[in-house]
Amino acid sequence: MGRLHPLLVHLPIGMIVLLAMLELAARIPRFKNAGASAGFILAFAMPPASQPQPTADDLALLRWWIDAGAPEIKTVAELKLPENILKIIAARFDISAALP
C-alpha cells in the first residue's frame, strides 16, 4: 500500500469513530440533529458494494456498543450483555462453553 496506507486504512476508521461520536452527541438535546449525518458518514466508511458487507450481527454489535456508551476498556465479563449480543459473541468467537 505504501504511501496510500494512511488514507486507505485510517480514513475509514476515522469515519467510523466520527459516526460513533455523532451517535453519542445526538443523545444530548442540544445536539439532537447530529445523528442525521450518520448515513452520509457511513456511506464513506463502509466497504464498496463489490466487497463483503457487514452482516446483521455486525451491525447489531456496533449498535449495542454505541448504545452502551462505547466502552473502550471494559471486558465482556464486566458488561451486562443482552441475550442476543451474548449469542452473537459466542458464535463469532466460539466461546459458548465460557458464557453463562
Protein backbone atom coordinates (compact mmCIF):
# COMPACT_ATOMS: atom_id res chain seq x y z
CA MET A 1 0.00 0.00 0.00
CA GLY A 2 2.96 2.27 0.56
CA ARG A 3 2.04 5.94 0.58
CA LEU A 4 -1.69 5.22 0.39
CA HIS A 5 -1.70 3.24 3.66
CA PRO A 6 -2.83 6.17 5.87
CA LEU A 7 -5.64 7.05 3.51
CA LEU A 8 -6.85 3.51 2.82
CA VAL A 9 -6.66 2.23 6.38
CA HIS A 10 -7.04 5.15 8.76
CA LEU A 11 -9.64 7.26 6.96
CA PRO A 12 -12.39 4.62 7.17
CA ILE A 13 -11.53 4.02 10.84
CA GLY A 14 -11.73 7.75 11.49
CA MET A 15 -15.12 7.88 9.77
CA ILE A 16 -16.44 5.09 11.98
CA VAL A 17 -15.15 6.88 15.11
CA LEU A 18 -16.80 10.08 13.88
CA LEU A 19 -20.03 8.15 13.35
CA ALA A 20 -19.92 6.84 16.93
CA MET A 21 -19.27 10.36 18.24
CA LEU A 22 -22.21 11.75 16.28
CA GLU A 23 -24.48 9.00 17.60
CA LEU A 24 -23.42 9.78 21.16
CA ALA A 25 -23.79 13.54 20.63
CA ALA A 26 -27.31 13.02 19.28
CA ARG A 27 -28.32 11.86 22.77
CA ILE A 28 -27.68 15.37 24.12
CA PRO A 29 -30.74 17.56 23.50
CA ARG A 30 -28.61 20.45 22.23
CA PHE A 31 -27.14 18.20 19.50
CA LYS A 32 -30.21 16.10 18.74
CA ASN A 33 -29.74 16.56 14.97
CA ALA A 34 -26.13 15.34 14.98
CA GLY A 35 -27.24 11.80 14.12
CA ALA A 36 -28.85 12.99 10.89
CA SER A 37 -25.48 12.97 9.13
CA ALA A 38 -24.77 9.38 10.16
CA GLY A 39 -25.94 7.95 6.83
CA PHE A 40 -23.65 10.28 4.92
CA ILE A 41 -20.65 9.39 7.08
CA LEU A 42 -21.47 5.68 6.93
CA ALA A 43 -21.52 5.75 3.13
CA PHE A 44 -17.84 6.77 3.14
CA ALA A 45 -16.80 4.34 5.88
CA MET A 46 -18.48 1.21 4.55
CA PRO A 47 -16.78 -1.07 2.06
CA PRO A 48 -17.73 -0.77 -1.61
CA ALA A 49 -20.63 -2.95 -2.80
CA SER A 50 -18.17 -5.29 -4.51
CA GLN A 51 -16.58 -6.13 -1.13
CA PRO A 52 -18.06 -8.22 1.72
CA GLN A 53 -20.63 -6.16 3.63
CA PRO A 54 -21.26 -6.11 7.38
CA THR A 55 -23.75 -8.74 8.47
CA ALA A 56 -26.84 -8.08 10.56
CA ASP A 57 -24.85 -9.43 13.53
CA ASP A 58 -22.00 -6.98 12.84
CA LEU A 59 -24.45 -4.09 12.81
CA ALA A 60 -26.22 -5.36 15.95
CA LEU A 61 -22.88 -5.50 17.80
CA LEU A 62 -21.96 -1.99 16.66
CA ARG A 63 -25.38 -0.60 17.62
CA TRP A 64 -25.20 -2.27 21.05
CA TRP A 65 -21.67 -0.94 21.62
CA ILE A 66 -22.76 2.62 20.80
CA ASP A 67 -25.90 2.30 22.93
CA ALA A 68 -23.75 1.03 25.84
CA GLY A 69 -21.75 4.26 25.71
CA ALA A 70 -18.96 2.88 23.51
CA PRO A 71 -16.92 1.40 26.38
CA GLU A 72 -13.27 1.00 25.47
CA ILE A 73 -11.61 -0.62 28.46
CA LYS A 74 -14.26 -2.90 29.95
CA THR A 75 -14.15 -6.62 29.40
CA VAL A 76 -17.12 -8.65 28.20
CA ALA A 77 -17.43 -10.05 31.73
CA GLU A 78 -17.80 -6.51 33.14
CA LEU A 79 -20.57 -5.55 30.73
CA LYS A 80 -24.21 -6.50 31.08
CA LEU A 81 -24.80 -8.05 27.69
CA PRO A 82 -28.29 -8.72 26.37
CA GLU A 83 -29.03 -12.30 25.37
CA ASN A 84 -28.91 -11.57 21.62
CA ILE A 85 -25.45 -9.98 21.92
CA LEU A 86 -24.19 -12.89 24.03
CA LYS A 87 -25.30 -15.29 21.30
CA ILE A 88 -23.56 -13.25 18.58
CA ILE A 89 -20.31 -13.08 20.56
CA ALA A 90 -20.47 -16.79 21.44
CA ALA A 91 -20.97 -17.74 17.79
CA ARG A 92 -18.35 -15.32 16.47
CA PHE A 93 -15.60 -16.35 18.88
CA ASP A 94 -16.69 -19.93 19.56
CA ILE A 95 -16.85 -19.36 23.33
CA SER A 96 -20.30 -20.74 24.10
CA ALA A 97 -18.91 -23.00 26.86
CA ALA A 98 -17.48 -19.98 28.70
CA LEU A 99 -20.73 -17.99 28.73
CA PRO A 100 -23.38 -18.26 31.44
